[in-house]
Amino acid sequence: MTLPQQQQTYDEMFFTTGKVQQMLDRHYVINAGQRQIQALQATGCLLVPEPGDTVLLTEGNEEKAYIISVLNRSAKPARITLPENSVIAAQGGDLTLYADKQISLKSQEMHLQADRGVAEIHDTQFTGDTVDISVSRLRAIWSTMETRAERIFQRVTRLYRRIKTEDSRLEELHCSVENTCRIEARDISIEADERLRLDGERVEIG
């Protein structure tokens, strides 16, 4: 007994080339010789077609046409589109993004996660509204650091500082210590242009 073979039908696909004229309601109008074809961008065609580009088309029996590749780039900037929720992965290897001039990242929300990271930037500028940093250990080595802030609030349990030379120029200074304040130095010089006041229940000098 011979079982009948399951019949399968395949849509014939035809390939042609054309030049992009314009985009019309998610469809691209392609000038292919004496014809004008309306085609969609295929999912595998990551480079977004622009007017003036020469593209490779595929047409089927159901009168559907897709742009599967951009053959010749026009003078406009190139854009690459990915489907929703896409992932770029290099399984078992490295992934490198390189540009001779500039790399820009823009998003409503951004996440960076790595076991170890190294950032080397010779000149940088950061602007933000709110920054929350939580680290277990932070070590910073600066040859020159300049900070300009309108207000700084710090809540620290313990602070240890070793400074070779400190020069502070303040308009006003208010220091409040709940328990004990101790200052030790080989030489101490306190100068006041108008008045120096020491106030306490017990003041010992010498």
N, C-alpha and C. Protein backbone atom coordinates (compact mmCIF):
# COMPACT_ATOMS: atom_id res chain seq x y z
N MET A 1 0.86 -1.19 0.00
CA MET A 1 0.00 0.00 0.00
C MET A 1 0.89 1.23 0.00
N THR A 2 0.66 2.08 -0.92
CA THR A 2 1.47 3.29 -1.05
C THR A 2 0.68 4.47 -0.55
N LEU A 3 1.28 5.16 0.43
CA LEU A 3 0.61 6.34 0.99
C LEU A 3 0.81 7.52 0.06
N PRO A 4 -0.21 8.32 -0.12
CA PRO A 4 -0.04 9.51 -0.99
C PRO A 4 0.88 10.51 -0.34
N GLN A 5 1.78 11.05 -1.13
CA GLN A 5 2.70 12.06 -0.62
C GLN A 5 1.97 13.38 -0.40
N GLN A 6 2.35 14.03 0.70
CA GLN A 6 1.72 15.32 1.02
C GLN A 6 2.20 16.36 0.03
N GLN A 7 1.29 17.03 -0.59
CA GLN A 7 1.62 18.03 -1.59
C GLN A 7 1.93 19.36 -0.90
N GLN A 8 3.00 19.95 -1.32
CA GLN A 8 3.40 21.24 -0.79
C GLN A 8 3.51 22.23 -1.94
N THR A 9 3.04 23.42 -1.68
CA THR A 9 3.11 24.46 -2.71
C THR A 9 4.06 25.54 -2.23
N TYR A 10 4.86 26.02 -3.12
CA TYR A 10 5.82 27.06 -2.83
C TYR A 10 5.53 28.26 -3.70
N ASP A 11 5.60 29.43 -3.07
CA ASP A 11 5.42 30.66 -3.83
C ASP A 11 6.70 30.97 -4.57
N GLU A 12 6.56 31.24 -5.85
CA GLU A 12 7.72 31.63 -6.63
C GLU A 12 8.09 33.07 -6.31
N MET A 13 9.37 33.31 -6.17
CA MET A 13 9.88 34.64 -5.85
C MET A 13 10.75 35.11 -7.00
N PHE A 14 10.58 36.37 -7.34
CA PHE A 14 11.34 36.97 -8.42
C PHE A 14 12.16 38.13 -7.85
N PHE A 15 13.37 38.24 -8.32
CA PHE A 15 14.26 39.29 -7.84
C PHE A 15 14.45 40.34 -8.93
N THR A 16 14.48 41.58 -8.47
CA THR A 16 14.72 42.69 -9.39
C THR A 16 15.37 43.83 -8.61
N THR A 17 15.89 44.76 -9.31
CA THR A 17 16.51 45.93 -8.67
C THR A 17 15.74 47.18 -9.06
N GLY A 18 15.83 48.18 -8.21
CA GLY A 18 15.15 49.44 -8.47
C GLY A 18 15.71 50.54 -7.61
N LYS A 19 15.18 51.73 -7.81
CA LYS A 19 15.63 52.91 -7.06
C LYS A 19 14.46 53.43 -6.23
N VAL A 20 14.74 53.71 -4.97
CA VAL A 20 13.71 54.21 -4.05
C VAL A 20 13.33 55.63 -4.43
N GLN A 21 12.03 55.86 -4.62
CA GLN A 21 11.54 57.19 -4.94
C GLN A 21 11.06 57.92 -3.69
N GLN A 22 10.19 57.26 -2.93
CA GLN A 22 9.65 57.89 -1.73
C GLN A 22 9.06 56.82 -0.82
N MET A 23 8.70 57.23 0.40
CA MET A 23 8.02 56.34 1.32
C MET A 23 6.58 56.79 1.46
N LEU A 24 5.65 55.86 1.32
CA LEU A 24 4.23 56.19 1.31
C LEU A 24 3.50 55.21 2.22
N ASP A 25 3.12 55.68 3.43
CA ASP A 25 2.32 54.87 4.35
C ASP A 25 2.97 53.51 4.59
N ARG A 26 4.19 53.51 5.11
CA ARG A 26 4.97 52.32 5.45
C ARG A 26 5.44 51.55 4.23
N HIS A 27 5.02 51.92 3.05
CA HIS A 27 5.47 51.28 1.83
C HIS A 27 6.47 52.19 1.12
N TYR A 28 7.41 51.56 0.46
CA TYR A 28 8.38 52.29 -0.34
C TYR A 28 7.97 52.21 -1.81
N VAL A 29 8.00 53.33 -2.46
CA VAL A 29 7.71 53.38 -3.89
C VAL A 29 9.03 53.23 -4.63
N ILE A 30 9.15 52.14 -5.40
CA ILE A 30 10.39 51.79 -6.08
C ILE A 30 10.19 51.95 -7.58
N ASN A 31 11.12 52.62 -8.21
CA ASN A 31 11.12 52.75 -9.66
C ASN A 31 12.00 51.65 -10.23
N ALA A 32 11.36 50.62 -10.82
CA ALA A 32 12.08 49.49 -11.39
C ALA A 32 11.86 49.48 -12.90
N GLY A 33 12.68 50.19 -13.63
CA GLY A 33 12.53 50.27 -15.08
C GLY A 33 11.28 51.05 -15.45
N GLN A 34 10.35 50.38 -16.12
CA GLN A 34 9.11 51.02 -16.54
C GLN A 34 7.99 50.84 -15.52
N ARG A 35 8.30 50.22 -14.39
CA ARG A 35 7.26 49.94 -13.40
C ARG A 35 7.54 50.69 -12.11
N GLN A 36 6.48 50.92 -11.36
CA GLN A 36 6.58 51.43 -10.00
C GLN A 36 6.02 50.37 -9.06
N ILE A 37 6.83 49.97 -8.10
CA ILE A 37 6.49 48.89 -7.19
C ILE A 37 6.41 49.45 -5.78
N GLN A 38 5.37 49.03 -5.07
CA GLN A 38 5.27 49.35 -3.66
C GLN A 38 5.77 48.16 -2.85
N ALA A 39 6.77 48.39 -2.03
CA ALA A 39 7.41 47.30 -1.31
C ALA A 39 7.58 47.65 0.15
N LEU A 40 7.59 46.61 0.99
CA LEU A 40 7.86 46.75 2.41
C LEU A 40 9.33 46.45 2.68
N GLN A 41 9.84 46.97 3.76
CA GLN A 41 11.19 46.65 4.17
C GLN A 41 11.19 45.28 4.85
N ALA A 42 11.97 44.36 4.34
CA ALA A 42 12.05 43.02 4.92
C ALA A 42 12.69 43.10 6.31
N THR A 43 12.33 42.16 7.16
CA THR A 43 12.87 42.15 8.50
C THR A 43 14.38 41.99 8.50
N GLY A 44 14.89 41.22 7.57
CA GLY A 44 16.33 41.01 7.48
C GLY A 44 17.09 42.16 6.86
N CYS A 45 16.39 43.13 6.29
CA CYS A 45 17.05 44.32 5.73
C CYS A 45 17.16 45.35 6.85
N LEU A 46 18.30 45.40 7.50
CA LEU A 46 18.47 46.26 8.66
C LEU A 46 18.73 47.71 8.26
N LEU A 47 19.37 47.94 7.13
CA LEU A 47 19.64 49.30 6.69
C LEU A 47 18.37 49.91 6.12
N VAL A 48 17.94 51.03 6.69
CA VAL A 48 16.69 51.66 6.28
C VAL A 48 16.87 52.29 4.90
N PRO A 49 16.05 51.89 3.93
CA PRO A 49 16.15 52.50 2.60
C PRO A 49 15.78 53.98 2.63
N GLU A 50 16.46 54.75 1.83
CA GLU A 50 16.21 56.18 1.70
C GLU A 50 16.02 56.50 0.22
N PRO A 51 15.28 57.57 -0.06
CA PRO A 51 15.13 57.98 -1.47
C PRO A 51 16.48 58.17 -2.14
N GLY A 52 16.60 57.57 -3.32
CA GLY A 52 17.85 57.62 -4.05
C GLY A 52 18.67 56.35 -3.94
N ASP A 53 18.31 55.46 -3.00
CA ASP A 53 19.05 54.21 -2.84
C ASP A 53 18.68 53.22 -3.92
N THR A 54 19.64 52.44 -4.35
CA THR A 54 19.39 51.30 -5.23
C THR A 54 19.23 50.07 -4.36
N VAL A 55 18.09 49.37 -4.52
CA VAL A 55 17.75 48.27 -3.64
C VAL A 55 17.47 47.01 -4.44
N LEU A 56 17.56 45.88 -3.74
CA LEU A 56 17.22 44.58 -4.31
C LEU A 56 15.85 44.18 -3.81
N LEU A 57 14.95 43.86 -4.74
CA LEU A 57 13.57 43.54 -4.40
C LEU A 57 13.29 42.08 -4.66
N THR A 58 12.32 41.57 -3.94
CA THR A 58 11.78 40.25 -4.22
C THR A 58 10.27 40.37 -4.33
N GLU A 59 9.70 39.75 -5.36
CA GLU A 59 8.26 39.79 -5.61
C GLU A 59 7.73 38.37 -5.66
N GLY A 60 6.54 38.17 -5.09
CA GLY A 60 5.91 36.86 -5.07
C GLY A 60 4.64 36.83 -5.90
N ASN A 61 4.00 35.65 -5.91
CA ASN A 61 2.77 35.49 -6.69
C ASN A 61 1.61 36.26 -6.08
N GLU A 62 1.68 36.54 -4.79
CA GLU A 62 0.59 37.23 -4.12
C GLU A 62 0.73 38.74 -4.22
N GLU A 63 1.52 39.21 -5.15
CA GLU A 63 1.73 40.63 -5.39
C GLU A 63 2.27 41.34 -4.16
N LYS A 64 3.12 40.64 -3.43
CA LYS A 64 3.80 41.25 -2.29
C LYS A 64 5.26 41.44 -2.65
N ALA A 65 5.79 42.60 -2.35
CA ALA A 65 7.18 42.91 -2.67
C ALA A 65 7.88 43.34 -1.39
N TYR A 66 9.15 42.94 -1.26
CA TYR A 66 9.94 43.27 -0.09
C TYR A 66 11.32 43.75 -0.54
N ILE A 67 11.82 44.74 0.17
CA ILE A 67 13.20 45.18 -0.02
C ILE A 67 14.07 44.31 0.88
N ILE A 68 14.95 43.52 0.28
CA ILE A 68 15.76 42.61 1.08
C ILE A 68 17.19 43.11 1.27
N SER A 69 17.60 44.12 0.50
CA SER A 69 18.95 44.64 0.68
C SER A 69 19.07 45.99 0.00
N VAL A 70 19.91 46.84 0.57
CA VAL A 70 20.27 48.12 -0.05
C VAL A 70 21.60 47.92 -0.76
N LEU A 71 21.58 48.06 -2.07
CA LEU A 71 22.79 47.80 -2.86
C LEU A 71 23.70 49.01 -2.94
N ASN A 72 23.13 50.18 -3.05
CA ASN A 72 23.93 51.39 -3.21
C ASN A 72 23.37 52.46 -2.28
N ARG A 73 24.23 52.96 -1.39
CA ARG A 73 23.80 53.95 -0.40
C ARG A 73 23.79 55.33 -1.01
N SER A 74 22.73 56.10 -0.69
CA SER A 74 22.68 57.48 -1.12
C SER A 74 23.55 58.33 -0.20
N ALA A 75 23.58 59.62 -0.46
CA ALA A 75 24.47 60.51 0.31
C ALA A 75 23.94 60.79 1.71
N LYS A 76 22.73 60.35 2.05
CA LYS A 76 22.15 60.66 3.35
C LYS A 76 22.74 59.75 4.43
N PRO A 77 22.65 60.15 5.70
CA PRO A 77 23.15 59.28 6.78
C PRO A 77 22.42 57.94 6.79
N ALA A 78 23.15 56.89 7.09
CA ALA A 78 22.58 55.55 7.11
C ALA A 78 21.95 55.28 8.48
N ARG A 79 20.80 54.61 8.45
CA ARG A 79 20.11 54.23 9.68
C ARG A 79 19.86 52.72 9.66
N ILE A 80 20.08 52.10 10.80
CA ILE A 80 19.85 50.66 10.95
C ILE A 80 18.71 50.48 11.94
N THR A 81 17.71 49.69 11.56
CA THR A 81 16.57 49.43 12.42
C THR A 81 16.54 47.95 12.78
N LEU A 82 16.12 47.68 14.01
CA LEU A 82 15.96 46.32 14.50
C LEU A 82 14.52 46.12 14.94
N PRO A 83 14.02 44.89 14.89
CA PRO A 83 12.67 44.63 15.39
C PRO A 83 12.56 44.93 16.88
N GLU A 84 11.35 44.99 17.36
CA GLU A 84 11.11 45.30 18.77
C GLU A 84 11.72 44.23 19.67
N ASN A 85 12.29 44.67 20.80
CA ASN A 85 12.92 43.76 21.78
C ASN A 85 14.03 42.93 21.13
N SER A 86 14.96 43.61 20.50
CA SER A 86 16.07 42.92 19.83
C SER A 86 17.27 42.82 20.76
N VAL A 87 18.10 41.82 20.51
CA VAL A 87 19.32 41.58 21.28
C VAL A 87 20.47 41.39 20.31
N ILE A 88 21.56 42.12 20.53
CA ILE A 88 22.79 41.93 19.77
C ILE A 88 23.76 41.18 20.68
N ALA A 89 24.15 39.98 20.29
CA ALA A 89 24.95 39.12 21.16
C ALA A 89 26.12 38.54 20.38
N ALA A 90 27.24 38.40 21.06
CA ALA A 90 28.40 37.70 20.54
C ALA A 90 28.66 36.53 21.48
N GLN A 91 28.08 35.38 21.16
CA GLN A 91 28.16 34.23 22.05
C GLN A 91 29.60 33.73 22.14
N GLY A 92 30.14 33.71 23.35
CA GLY A 92 31.46 33.18 23.57
C GLY A 92 32.60 34.05 23.09
N GLY A 93 32.32 35.30 22.71
CA GLY A 93 33.37 36.16 22.19
C GLY A 93 33.18 37.60 22.61
N ASP A 94 33.88 38.48 21.94
CA ASP A 94 33.84 39.91 22.26
C ASP A 94 32.98 40.65 21.25
N LEU A 95 32.46 41.79 21.69
CA LEU A 95 31.68 42.67 20.83
C LEU A 95 32.28 44.07 20.95
N THR A 96 32.64 44.66 19.83
CA THR A 96 33.31 45.96 19.81
C THR A 96 32.52 46.93 18.95
N LEU A 97 32.29 48.12 19.48
CA LEU A 97 31.71 49.21 18.72
C LEU A 97 32.81 50.24 18.48
N TYR A 98 33.04 50.58 17.24
CA TYR A 98 34.15 51.47 16.90
C TYR A 98 33.66 52.55 15.94
N ALA A 99 34.11 53.75 16.20
CA ALA A 99 33.80 54.87 15.32
C ALA A 99 34.99 55.81 15.29
N ASP A 100 35.31 56.35 14.11
CA ASP A 100 36.44 57.28 14.00
C ASP A 100 36.16 58.60 14.72
N LYS A 101 34.89 59.00 14.79
CA LYS A 101 34.58 60.31 15.36
C LYS A 101 33.77 60.21 16.65
N GLN A 102 32.58 59.66 16.59
CA GLN A 102 31.68 59.77 17.74
C GLN A 102 30.74 58.58 17.80
N ILE A 103 30.43 58.15 19.04
CA ILE A 103 29.41 57.15 19.31
C ILE A 103 28.40 57.78 20.26
N SER A 104 27.14 57.78 19.88
CA SER A 104 26.08 58.38 20.69
C SER A 104 25.09 57.31 21.10
N LEU A 105 24.69 57.33 22.38
CA LEU A 105 23.68 56.42 22.91
C LEU A 105 22.52 57.26 23.45
N LYS A 106 21.33 56.99 22.95
CA LYS A 106 20.14 57.74 23.37
C LYS A 106 19.03 56.76 23.70
N SER A 107 18.42 56.92 24.87
CA SER A 107 17.35 56.04 25.28
C SER A 107 16.61 56.68 26.44
N GLN A 108 15.34 56.31 26.64
CA GLN A 108 14.59 56.77 27.80
C GLN A 108 15.11 56.13 29.08
N GLU A 109 15.63 54.93 28.99
CA GLU A 109 16.18 54.23 30.15
C GLU A 109 17.35 53.38 29.69
N MET A 110 18.42 53.39 30.48
CA MET A 110 19.62 52.68 30.08
C MET A 110 20.16 51.87 31.26
N HIS A 111 20.57 50.64 30.99
CA HIS A 111 21.12 49.76 32.01
C HIS A 111 22.50 49.29 31.55
N LEU A 112 23.48 49.40 32.44
CA LEU A 112 24.82 48.88 32.20
C LEU A 112 25.15 47.89 33.31
N GLN A 113 25.50 46.67 32.94
CA GLN A 113 25.78 45.64 33.92
C GLN A 113 26.99 44.84 33.47
N ALA A 114 27.96 44.71 34.34
CA ALA A 114 29.17 43.95 34.03
C ALA A 114 29.84 43.51 35.32
N ASP A 115 30.54 42.40 35.27
CA ASP A 115 31.31 41.95 36.44
C ASP A 115 32.54 42.83 36.67
N ARG A 116 33.09 43.37 35.63
CA ARG A 116 34.26 44.24 35.74
C ARG A 116 34.21 45.24 34.60
N GLY A 117 34.54 46.49 34.89
CA GLY A 117 34.49 47.52 33.87
C GLY A 117 35.67 48.46 33.96
N VAL A 118 36.12 48.92 32.82
CA VAL A 118 37.21 49.89 32.73
C VAL A 118 36.77 50.98 31.77
N ALA A 119 36.84 52.22 32.21
CA ALA A 119 36.48 53.37 31.36
C ALA A 119 37.66 54.33 31.33
N GLU A 120 38.13 54.64 30.15
CA GLU A 120 39.23 55.58 29.97
C GLU A 120 38.74 56.71 29.06
N ILE A 121 38.55 57.86 29.65
CA ILE A 121 38.05 59.03 28.92
C ILE A 121 38.97 60.20 29.23
N HIS A 122 39.56 60.78 28.21
CA HIS A 122 40.49 61.88 28.43
C HIS A 122 39.77 63.19 28.78
N ASP A 123 38.64 63.43 28.18
CA ASP A 123 37.89 64.66 28.44
C ASP A 123 36.42 64.32 28.43
N THR A 124 35.71 64.62 29.51
CA THR A 124 34.30 64.23 29.60
C THR A 124 33.50 65.33 30.26
N GLN A 125 32.20 65.34 30.00
CA GLN A 125 31.26 66.26 30.62
C GLN A 125 29.98 65.50 30.93
N PHE A 126 29.54 65.56 32.18
CA PHE A 126 28.34 64.85 32.62
C PHE A 126 27.34 65.85 33.16
N THR A 127 26.11 65.74 32.71
CA THR A 127 25.03 66.61 33.18
C THR A 127 23.84 65.73 33.52
N GLY A 128 23.31 65.88 34.73
CA GLY A 128 22.16 65.09 35.14
C GLY A 128 21.39 65.78 36.24
N ASP A 129 20.16 65.37 36.44
CA ASP A 129 19.31 65.94 37.48
C ASP A 129 19.51 65.23 38.82
N THR A 130 19.50 63.91 38.80
CA THR A 130 19.63 63.13 40.03
C THR A 130 20.58 61.96 39.77
N VAL A 131 21.53 61.77 40.67
CA VAL A 131 22.48 60.67 40.56
C VAL A 131 22.52 59.94 41.90
N ASP A 132 22.24 58.66 41.90
CA ASP A 132 22.32 57.81 43.08
C ASP A 132 23.42 56.79 42.85
N ILE A 133 24.43 56.80 43.73
CA ILE A 133 25.56 55.89 43.61
C ILE A 133 25.65 55.09 44.91
N SER A 134 25.68 53.78 44.77
CA SER A 134 25.82 52.90 45.93
C SER A 134 26.99 51.96 45.66
N VAL A 135 28.05 52.11 46.42
CA VAL A 135 29.25 51.29 46.24
C VAL A 135 29.72 50.80 47.61
N SER A 136 30.35 49.65 47.63
CA SER A 136 30.93 49.15 48.88
C SER A 136 32.32 49.71 49.10
N ARG A 137 33.05 49.99 48.03
CA ARG A 137 34.40 50.55 48.16
C ARG A 137 34.68 51.42 46.95
N LEU A 138 35.16 52.62 47.21
CA LEU A 138 35.46 53.57 46.15
C LEU A 138 36.84 54.16 46.38
N ARG A 139 37.67 54.07 45.37
CA ARG A 139 38.99 54.68 45.43
C ARG A 139 39.15 55.61 44.23
N ALA A 140 39.43 56.87 44.51
CA ALA A 140 39.57 57.88 43.47
C ALA A 140 40.95 58.51 43.56
N ILE A 141 41.63 58.56 42.45
CA ILE A 141 42.95 59.18 42.37
C ILE A 141 42.87 60.30 41.34
N TRP A 142 43.07 61.53 41.79
CA TRP A 142 42.96 62.68 40.91
C TRP A 142 44.25 63.48 40.97
N SER A 143 44.73 63.92 39.85
CA SER A 143 45.83 64.88 39.84
C SER A 143 45.30 66.29 40.07
N THR A 144 44.16 66.60 39.50
CA THR A 144 43.50 67.89 39.72
C THR A 144 42.00 67.65 39.68
N MET A 145 41.29 68.16 40.68
CA MET A 145 39.84 68.03 40.72
C MET A 145 39.23 69.39 41.04
N GLU A 146 38.27 69.79 40.27
CA GLU A 146 37.57 71.05 40.50
C GLU A 146 36.08 70.75 40.60
N THR A 147 35.47 71.16 41.70
CA THR A 147 34.05 70.92 41.95
C THR A 147 33.35 72.25 42.17
N ARG A 148 32.29 72.46 41.43
CA ARG A 148 31.47 73.65 41.61
C ARG A 148 30.04 73.20 41.85
N ALA A 149 29.54 73.48 43.04
CA ALA A 149 28.21 73.03 43.42
C ALA A 149 27.52 74.13 44.20
N GLU A 150 26.24 74.27 44.00
CA GLU A 150 25.46 75.24 44.76
C GLU A 150 25.19 74.72 46.17
N ARG A 151 24.88 73.45 46.30
CA ARG A 151 24.67 72.85 47.62
C ARG A 151 25.20 71.42 47.60
N ILE A 152 25.80 71.02 48.71
CA ILE A 152 26.29 69.65 48.89
C ILE A 152 25.83 69.16 50.26
N PHE A 153 25.13 68.04 50.29
CA PHE A 153 24.69 67.42 51.54
C PHE A 153 25.37 66.06 51.64
N GLN A 154 26.02 65.80 52.78
CA GLN A 154 26.69 64.53 52.99
C GLN A 154 26.24 63.91 54.30
N ARG A 155 25.99 62.61 54.27
CA ARG A 155 25.69 61.85 55.48
C ARG A 155 26.70 60.70 55.54
N VAL A 156 27.66 60.81 56.43
CA VAL A 156 28.76 59.86 56.50
C VAL A 156 28.88 59.36 57.93
N THR A 157 29.02 58.04 58.10
CA THR A 157 29.22 57.48 59.44
C THR A 157 30.63 57.74 59.94
N ARG A 158 31.62 57.46 59.12
CA ARG A 158 33.01 57.73 59.46
C ARG A 158 33.72 58.29 58.24
N LEU A 159 34.57 59.27 58.50
CA LEU A 159 35.31 59.91 57.43
C LEU A 159 36.77 60.03 57.84
N TYR A 160 37.66 59.47 57.04
CA TYR A 160 39.10 59.55 57.27
C TYR A 160 39.72 60.28 56.09
N ARG A 161 40.48 61.32 56.40
CA ARG A 161 41.13 62.08 55.35
C ARG A 161 42.60 62.31 55.71
N ARG A 162 43.46 62.14 54.74
CA ARG A 162 44.87 62.45 54.89
C ARG A 162 45.24 63.43 53.78
N ILE A 163 45.46 64.67 54.18
CA ILE A 163 45.70 65.75 53.24
C ILE A 163 47.04 66.37 53.55
N LYS A 164 47.88 66.52 52.55
CA LYS A 164 49.19 67.13 52.77
C LYS A 164 49.06 68.63 53.01
N THR A 165 48.31 69.31 52.17
CA THR A 165 48.10 70.75 52.31
C THR A 165 46.66 71.06 51.95
N GLU A 166 46.01 71.84 52.80
CA GLU A 166 44.63 72.25 52.54
C GLU A 166 44.52 73.76 52.68
N ASP A 167 43.98 74.40 51.70
CA ASP A 167 43.75 75.84 51.70
C ASP A 167 42.28 76.07 51.42
N SER A 168 41.52 76.45 52.44
CA SER A 168 40.09 76.67 52.32
C SER A 168 39.79 78.15 52.47
N ARG A 169 39.07 78.69 51.51
CA ARG A 169 38.65 80.09 51.56
C ARG A 169 37.13 80.12 51.57
N LEU A 170 36.58 80.43 52.74
CA LEU A 170 35.15 80.37 52.96
C LEU A 170 34.62 81.74 53.35
N GLU A 171 33.41 82.00 52.95
CA GLU A 171 32.76 83.24 53.37
C GLU A 171 32.21 83.09 54.79
N GLU A 172 31.61 81.95 55.08
CA GLU A 172 31.13 81.65 56.43
C GLU A 172 31.37 80.17 56.70
N LEU A 173 31.65 79.85 57.98
CA LEU A 173 31.87 78.47 58.39
C LEU A 173 31.16 78.24 59.72
N HIS A 174 30.31 77.24 59.76
CA HIS A 174 29.62 76.85 60.99
C HIS A 174 29.87 75.37 61.21
N CYS A 175 30.51 75.05 62.31
CA CYS A 175 30.86 73.66 62.63
C CYS A 175 30.21 73.30 63.96
N SER A 176 29.39 72.26 63.96
CA SER A 176 28.69 71.83 65.17
C SER A 176 29.05 70.38 65.45
N VAL A 177 29.60 70.14 66.66
CA VAL A 177 30.02 68.80 67.08
C VAL A 177 29.24 68.44 68.34
N GLU A 178 28.58 67.31 68.34
CA GLU A 178 27.76 66.92 69.48
C GLU A 178 28.60 66.52 70.69
N ASN A 179 29.66 65.76 70.51
CA ASN A 179 30.41 65.23 71.66
C ASN A 179 31.77 65.92 71.83
N THR A 180 32.77 65.49 71.12
CA THR A 180 34.12 65.97 71.36
C THR A 180 34.74 66.44 70.06
N CYS A 181 35.41 67.58 70.12
CA CYS A 181 36.17 68.10 68.99
C CYS A 181 37.62 68.25 69.44
N ARG A 182 38.52 67.63 68.72
CA ARG A 182 39.94 67.64 69.11
C ARG A 182 40.78 68.00 67.90
N ILE A 183 41.65 68.98 68.07
CA ILE A 183 42.54 69.43 67.01
C ILE A 183 43.97 69.34 67.54
N GLU A 184 44.81 68.63 66.81
CA GLU A 184 46.20 68.48 67.20
C GLU A 184 47.10 68.96 66.07
N ALA A 185 48.12 69.74 66.41
CA ALA A 185 49.06 70.24 65.42
C ALA A 185 50.33 70.70 66.12
N ARG A 186 51.41 70.78 65.37
CA ARG A 186 52.64 71.31 65.95
C ARG A 186 52.52 72.80 66.18
N ASP A 187 52.02 73.53 65.24
CA ASP A 187 51.78 74.97 65.38
C ASP A 187 50.35 75.27 64.95
N ILE A 188 49.67 76.08 65.71
CA ILE A 188 48.31 76.52 65.38
C ILE A 188 48.28 78.03 65.46
N SER A 189 47.78 78.65 64.43
CA SER A 189 47.66 80.11 64.39
C SER A 189 46.21 80.45 64.06
N ILE A 190 45.57 81.20 64.94
CA ILE A 190 44.19 81.64 64.74
C ILE A 190 44.19 83.15 64.71
N GLU A 191 43.73 83.72 63.63
CA GLU A 191 43.73 85.17 63.47
C GLU A 191 42.32 85.64 63.15
N ALA A 192 41.96 86.77 63.76
CA ALA A 192 40.66 87.39 63.52
C ALA A 192 40.86 88.88 63.33
N ASP A 193 40.27 89.45 62.31
CA ASP A 193 40.41 90.88 62.06
C ASP A 193 39.67 91.71 63.10
N GLU A 194 38.55 91.21 63.62
CA GLU A 194 37.76 92.02 64.55
C GLU A 194 37.68 91.37 65.94
N ARG A 195 37.11 90.20 66.04
CA ARG A 195 36.86 89.64 67.37
C ARG A 195 37.06 88.13 67.35
N LEU A 196 37.67 87.63 68.41
CA LEU A 196 37.83 86.19 68.62
C LEU A 196 37.14 85.84 69.93
N ARG A 197 36.21 84.92 69.87
CA ARG A 197 35.39 84.62 71.05
C ARG A 197 35.49 83.13 71.37
N LEU A 198 35.76 82.85 72.65
CA LEU A 198 35.75 81.51 73.18
C LEU A 198 34.68 81.44 74.26
N ASP A 199 33.73 80.57 74.12
CA ASP A 199 32.60 80.51 75.05
C ASP A 199 32.40 79.06 75.48
N GLY A 200 32.30 78.84 76.78
CA GLY A 200 32.05 77.50 77.29
C GLY A 200 31.95 77.53 78.80
N GLU A 201 31.38 76.47 79.36
CA GLU A 201 31.31 76.39 80.80
C GLU A 201 32.69 76.35 81.44
N ARG A 202 33.64 75.76 80.73
CA ARG A 202 35.02 75.68 81.23
C ARG A 202 35.96 75.81 80.05
N VAL A 203 36.83 76.78 80.11
CA VAL A 203 37.80 77.04 79.05
C VAL A 203 39.19 76.91 79.66
N GLU A 204 40.00 76.01 79.10
CA GLU A 204 41.35 75.81 79.59
C GLU A 204 42.34 76.18 78.49
N ILE A 205 43.30 77.01 78.82
CA ILE A 205 44.36 77.40 77.90
C ILE A 205 45.69 77.14 78.58
N GLY A 206 46.53 76.29 77.90
CA GLY A 206 47.83 75.99 78.49
C GLY A 206 47.80 74.74 79.32
